[in-house]
């Protein structure tokens, strides 16, 4: 867990205090009525901020807080990822509002978005995959390349998001980085010494190179980056499929499946 705590700004327990930099991103003239712990994160602290708007209407916001430089990079990547999805398909994600650093605790960082109450079961697969197909088909990569404009994080691990013209090249670099993370965490493995050269010298070229030869091409599609059941849900009010905790990049549309 990358969270050092935020004394005096805990979520719940009757606390209504939020950091001034968070308060500045809330609707002008609103009043914080309550905060509460909400959701689960492997890497930080998550909560719900309930406010009364200037006209008296109740509003709620979701906040995620992570510490240190890695937390700052993770939340920046999440904000840019959610913003990218929201731009293409605004009904598919909670609206991202801001990310930043606490004024009162400089090594603590936050991501803020609208709060959406979700049902505790997975979305309908047909409706969900229809939205996913819309995201992949309607997104457009800058200059038609694979990658993303900043580094995004799968959990607390950075992904390779450097822009590349070739899907084979991008996939190879990203997969190699993932294997490097594995080896750094668990140490050398004699099986890897045999398998890794075979994967990069034989398997990847044989499977991916034909997709980009003899006039064929791969469309770089915006992908969620960490799509599994725990990062999806159903809006309780609208019954719409939702995704969150994104770590996007432009890739082959079947990447990660």
Protein backbone atom coordinates (compact mmCIF):
# COMPACT_ATOMS: atom_id res chain seq x y z
CA UNK A 1 0.00 0.00 0.00
CA UNK A 2 1.38 3.42 -0.99
CA UNK A 3 -0.42 5.50 1.65
CA UNK A 4 1.21 7.15 4.65
CA UNK A 5 -2.01 8.45 6.20
CA UNK A 6 -3.44 11.97 6.35
CA UNK A 7 -3.92 13.02 9.96
CA UNK A 8 -6.97 15.21 10.40
CA UNK A 9 -8.24 14.45 6.91
CA UNK A 10 -9.42 10.88 7.40
CA UNK A 11 -12.60 9.82 5.64
CA UNK A 12 -15.47 9.03 8.00
CA UNK A 13 -15.77 9.24 11.76
CA UNK A 14 -17.73 12.47 11.53
CA UNK A 15 -14.90 14.31 9.77
CA UNK A 16 -15.94 17.02 7.31
CA UNK A 17 -12.48 18.47 6.65
CA UNK A 18 -10.89 18.09 3.24
CA UNK A 19 -7.57 19.43 2.03
CA UNK A 20 -7.80 22.96 0.54
CA UNK A 21 -6.61 21.75 -2.86
CA UNK A 22 -9.40 19.16 -2.88
CA UNK A 23 -11.94 21.74 -1.71
CA UNK A 24 -10.90 24.02 -4.59
CA UNK A 25 -12.02 21.34 -7.07
CA UNK A 26 -15.48 20.94 -5.53
CA UNK A 27 -18.41 23.04 -6.84
CA UNK A 28 -18.13 26.71 -5.95
CA UNK A 29 -20.11 27.63 -2.88
CA UNK A 30 -20.74 24.04 -1.76
CA UNK A 31 -20.46 22.87 1.86
CA UNK A 32 -18.97 19.51 2.87
CA UNK A 33 -21.61 17.68 4.89
CA UNK A 34 -19.75 14.42 5.53
CA UNK A 35 -16.96 12.14 4.39
CA UNK A 36 -16.82 8.38 4.56
CA UNK A 37 -14.52 5.54 3.67
CA UNK A 38 -15.69 3.98 0.43
CA UNK A 39 -14.41 1.19 -1.79
CA UNK A 40 -11.16 -0.73 -1.67
CA UNK A 41 -7.77 0.04 -3.14
CA UNK A 42 -4.62 -2.10 -2.99
CA UNK A 43 -2.45 1.02 -3.18
CA UNK A 44 -4.14 3.91 -1.40
CA UNK A 45 -7.09 5.22 0.58
CA UNK A 46 -10.49 5.75 -1.00
CA UNK A 47 -13.48 7.72 0.18
CA UNK A 48 -16.69 9.56 -0.58
CA UNK A 49 -17.21 13.28 -0.06
CA UNK A 50 -20.83 14.39 0.38
CA UNK A 51 -21.58 18.06 -0.15
CA UNK A 52 -24.50 20.44 -0.28
CA UNK A 53 -24.30 22.66 -3.36
CA UNK A 54 -24.90 26.40 -3.29
CA UNK A 55 -28.53 25.83 -4.31
CA UNK A 56 -29.03 23.18 -1.61
CA UNK A 57 -28.79 20.09 -3.82
CA UNK A 58 -26.89 17.07 -2.45
CA UNK A 59 -23.84 15.93 -4.45
CA UNK A 60 -21.22 13.25 -3.88
CA UNK A 61 -17.68 12.72 -5.11
CA UNK A 62 -15.24 9.81 -5.08
CA UNK A 63 -11.66 10.46 -3.96
CA UNK A 64 -8.55 8.28 -4.04
CA UNK A 65 -5.42 9.28 -2.10
CA UNK A 66 -1.92 7.82 -2.53
CA UNK A 67 1.42 8.94 -1.08
CA UNK A 68 4.92 9.63 -2.43
CA UNK A 69 6.16 10.21 -5.96
CA UNK A 70 4.87 6.86 -7.23
CA UNK A 71 1.41 7.77 -5.96
CA UNK A 72 1.59 11.08 -7.79
CA UNK A 73 2.48 9.34 -11.05
CA UNK A 74 -0.19 6.65 -10.58
CA UNK A 75 -2.97 9.19 -10.01
CA UNK A 76 -1.84 11.45 -12.85
CA UNK A 77 -1.95 8.43 -15.16
CA UNK A 78 -5.38 7.42 -13.88
CA UNK A 79 -6.79 10.92 -14.37
CA UNK A 80 -5.48 11.17 -17.95
CA UNK A 81 -6.78 7.66 -18.68
CA UNK A 82 -10.26 8.33 -17.34
CA UNK A 83 -10.33 11.66 -19.17
CA UNK A 84 -9.41 9.92 -22.44
CA UNK A 85 -12.23 7.37 -22.05
CA UNK A 86 -14.70 10.06 -20.93
CA UNK A 87 -13.91 12.12 -24.03
CA UNK A 88 -14.81 9.21 -26.31
CA UNK A 89 -17.60 7.58 -24.30
CA UNK A 90 -18.78 9.75 -21.39
CA UNK A 91 -21.44 7.29 -20.26
CA UNK A 92 -18.86 4.53 -19.73
CA UNK A 93 -16.90 6.08 -16.83
CA UNK A 94 -17.54 8.35 -13.85
CA UNK A 95 -16.64 11.90 -14.89
CA UNK A 96 -13.05 12.68 -13.89
CA UNK A 97 -12.74 16.06 -12.18
CA UNK A 98 -9.16 16.63 -11.03
CA UNK A 99 -5.95 15.22 -9.70
CA UNK A 100 -3.34 17.00 -7.62
CA UNK A 101 -1.31 17.21 -4.42
CA UNK A 102 -2.55 18.00 -0.92
CA UNK A 103 -1.64 21.51 0.17
CA UNK A 104 -1.27 20.41 3.79
CA UNK A 105 0.67 17.17 3.12
CA UNK A 106 3.01 17.65 0.16
CA UNK A 107 3.80 13.94 -0.33
CA UNK A 108 0.10 13.00 -0.56
CA UNK A 109 -1.81 13.11 -3.85
CA UNK A 110 -5.44 12.75 -4.89
CA UNK A 111 -7.72 11.79 -7.77
CA UNK A 112 -11.27 13.16 -7.73
CA UNK A 113 -14.26 12.14 -9.83
CA UNK A 114 -18.03 12.13 -9.66
CA UNK A 115 -19.54 9.49 -7.39
CA UNK A 116 -21.65 6.81 -9.05
CA UNK A 117 -23.49 4.30 -6.86
CA UNK A 118 -22.88 0.83 -8.30
CA UNK A 119 -24.65 -2.49 -7.95
CA UNK A 120 -22.67 -5.32 -6.43
CA UNK A 121 -22.66 -7.63 -9.45
CA UNK A 122 -20.96 -7.63 -12.86
CA UNK A 123 -22.52 -5.83 -15.84
CA UNK A 124 -24.51 -7.55 -18.54
CA UNK A 125 -21.90 -8.98 -20.92
CA UNK A 126 -23.77 -7.96 -24.08
CA UNK A 127 -24.30 -4.34 -23.01
CA UNK A 128 -20.80 -4.13 -21.60
CA UNK A 129 -19.03 -5.42 -24.69
CA UNK A 130 -21.14 -3.12 -26.88
CA UNK A 131 -19.76 -0.13 -24.96
CA UNK A 132 -16.27 -1.58 -25.14
CA UNK A 133 -16.53 -1.99 -28.90
CA UNK A 134 -17.73 1.62 -29.21
CA UNK A 135 -14.68 2.78 -27.24
CA UNK A 136 -12.28 0.81 -29.43
CA UNK A 137 -13.89 1.75 -32.73
CA UNK A 138 -14.51 5.44 -32.05
CA UNK A 139 -11.21 6.34 -30.38
CA UNK A 140 -8.46 7.89 -32.49
CA UNK A 141 -4.79 7.77 -31.61
CA UNK A 142 -2.71 10.91 -32.18
CA UNK A 143 -0.79 10.43 -35.44
CA UNK A 144 -2.11 6.86 -35.64
CA UNK A 145 0.53 5.48 -33.25
CA UNK A 146 0.47 3.00 -30.38
CA UNK A 147 1.19 4.32 -26.87
CA UNK A 148 -0.04 7.14 -24.65
CA UNK A 149 1.03 10.69 -23.89
CA UNK A 150 2.12 9.91 -20.31
CA UNK A 151 3.18 6.79 -18.41
CA UNK A 152 0.24 4.89 -16.94
CA UNK A 153 0.42 2.34 -14.14
CA UNK A 154 -1.03 -1.14 -13.87
CA UNK A 155 -1.40 -1.21 -10.11
CA UNK A 156 1.85 0.34 -8.91
CA UNK A 157 3.89 -0.80 -11.93
CA UNK A 158 4.66 1.58 -14.81
CA UNK A 159 3.69 0.49 -18.31
CA UNK A 160 5.66 1.18 -21.47
CA UNK A 161 3.64 3.85 -23.27
CA UNK A 162 6.24 5.36 -25.63
CA UNK A 163 4.75 6.09 -29.05
CA UNK A 164 5.47 3.42 -31.69
CA UNK A 165 4.33 3.01 -35.30
CA UNK A 166 4.28 -0.80 -35.10
CA UNK A 167 2.01 -2.90 -32.90
CA UNK A 168 4.61 -5.67 -32.83
CA UNK A 169 7.28 -3.27 -31.60
CA UNK A 170 5.00 -1.70 -28.99
CA UNK A 171 3.78 -5.06 -27.70
CA UNK A 172 7.33 -6.43 -27.53
CA UNK A 173 8.60 -3.48 -25.50
CA UNK A 174 5.63 -3.54 -23.14
CA UNK A 175 5.84 -7.29 -22.61
CA UNK A 176 9.58 -7.12 -21.99
CA UNK A 177 9.00 -4.46 -19.33
CA UNK A 178 6.39 -6.69 -17.66
CA UNK A 179 8.88 -9.57 -17.57
CA UNK A 180 11.54 -7.26 -16.14
CA UNK A 181 9.14 -6.35 -13.32
CA UNK A 182 8.58 -10.06 -12.66
CA UNK A 183 12.28 -10.87 -12.55
CA UNK A 184 13.06 -7.87 -10.35
CA UNK A 185 10.36 -8.94 -7.88
CA UNK A 186 11.03 -12.69 -7.77
CA UNK A 187 14.59 -13.12 -8.99
CA UNK A 188 16.00 -15.22 -11.84
CA UNK A 189 14.23 -18.35 -13.05
CA UNK A 190 15.92 -20.97 -15.25
CA UNK A 191 12.64 -21.55 -17.09
CA UNK A 192 12.64 -17.91 -18.11
CA UNK A 193 16.08 -18.34 -19.64
CA UNK A 194 14.55 -20.83 -22.05
CA UNK A 195 11.13 -19.31 -22.60
CA UNK A 196 11.97 -15.63 -22.99
CA UNK A 197 14.17 -15.97 -26.09
CA UNK A 198 11.58 -18.26 -27.69
CA UNK A 199 8.79 -15.76 -27.02
CA UNK A 200 10.65 -12.79 -28.47
CA UNK A 201 12.47 -14.52 -31.32
CA UNK A 202 9.71 -16.86 -32.49
CA UNK A 203 6.27 -16.50 -30.92
CA UNK A 204 5.72 -12.74 -31.15
CA UNK A 205 7.03 -12.37 -34.75
CA UNK A 206 4.99 -15.34 -35.95
CA UNK A 207 1.75 -14.15 -34.34
CA UNK A 208 1.93 -10.38 -34.67
CA UNK A 209 4.04 -9.60 -37.72
CA UNK A 210 1.45 -10.95 -40.19
CA UNK A 211 -1.03 -8.39 -38.84
CA UNK A 212 1.11 -5.59 -40.27
CA UNK A 213 2.45 -7.07 -43.52
CA UNK A 214 1.13 -7.48 -47.09
CA UNK A 215 -1.06 -4.40 -46.77
CA UNK A 216 -2.61 -5.32 -43.43
CA UNK A 217 -2.63 -2.90 -40.49
CA UNK A 218 -3.77 -2.67 -36.87
CA UNK A 219 -5.87 0.28 -35.72
CA UNK A 220 -4.54 1.75 -32.46
CA UNK A 221 -7.58 1.69 -30.18
CA UNK A 222 -7.91 3.25 -26.76
CA UNK A 223 -7.93 0.36 -24.26
CA UNK A 224 -8.68 0.42 -20.55
CA UNK A 225 -5.38 -1.27 -19.73
CA UNK A 226 -6.47 -3.24 -16.64
CA UNK A 227 -9.91 -4.51 -17.49
CA UNK A 228 -11.25 -7.19 -15.15
CA UNK A 229 -14.47 -7.66 -13.21
CA UNK A 230 -13.31 -5.66 -10.17
CA UNK A 231 -12.78 -2.60 -12.36
CA UNK A 232 -16.29 -2.64 -13.78
CA UNK A 233 -19.80 -2.19 -12.46
CA UNK A 234 -23.40 -1.15 -13.08
CA UNK A 235 -24.78 2.29 -12.27
CA UNK A 236 -27.58 1.78 -9.74
CA UNK A 237 -29.66 4.65 -11.13
CA UNK A 238 -29.23 4.20 -14.89
CA UNK A 239 -28.33 0.48 -15.19
CA UNK A 240 -25.44 1.57 -17.43
CA UNK A 241 -22.18 -0.37 -17.60
CA UNK A 242 -19.21 1.46 -16.07
CA UNK A 243 -15.45 1.02 -15.88
CA UNK A 244 -12.93 2.70 -13.59
CA UNK A 245 -9.30 2.43 -12.39
CA UNK A 246 -8.12 2.81 -15.99
CA UNK A 247 -4.46 2.81 -17.09
CA UNK A 248 -4.97 3.49 -20.78
CA UNK A 249 -2.90 3.37 -23.92
CA UNK A 250 -3.62 2.96 -27.63
CA UNK A 251 -3.20 -0.67 -28.63
CA UNK A 252 -4.67 -3.58 -30.55
CA UNK A 253 -8.29 -3.72 -29.39
CA UNK A 254 -7.85 -7.24 -27.98
CA UNK A 255 -4.86 -6.30 -25.87
CA UNK A 256 -5.04 -7.81 -22.34
CA UNK A 257 -7.87 -10.20 -23.19
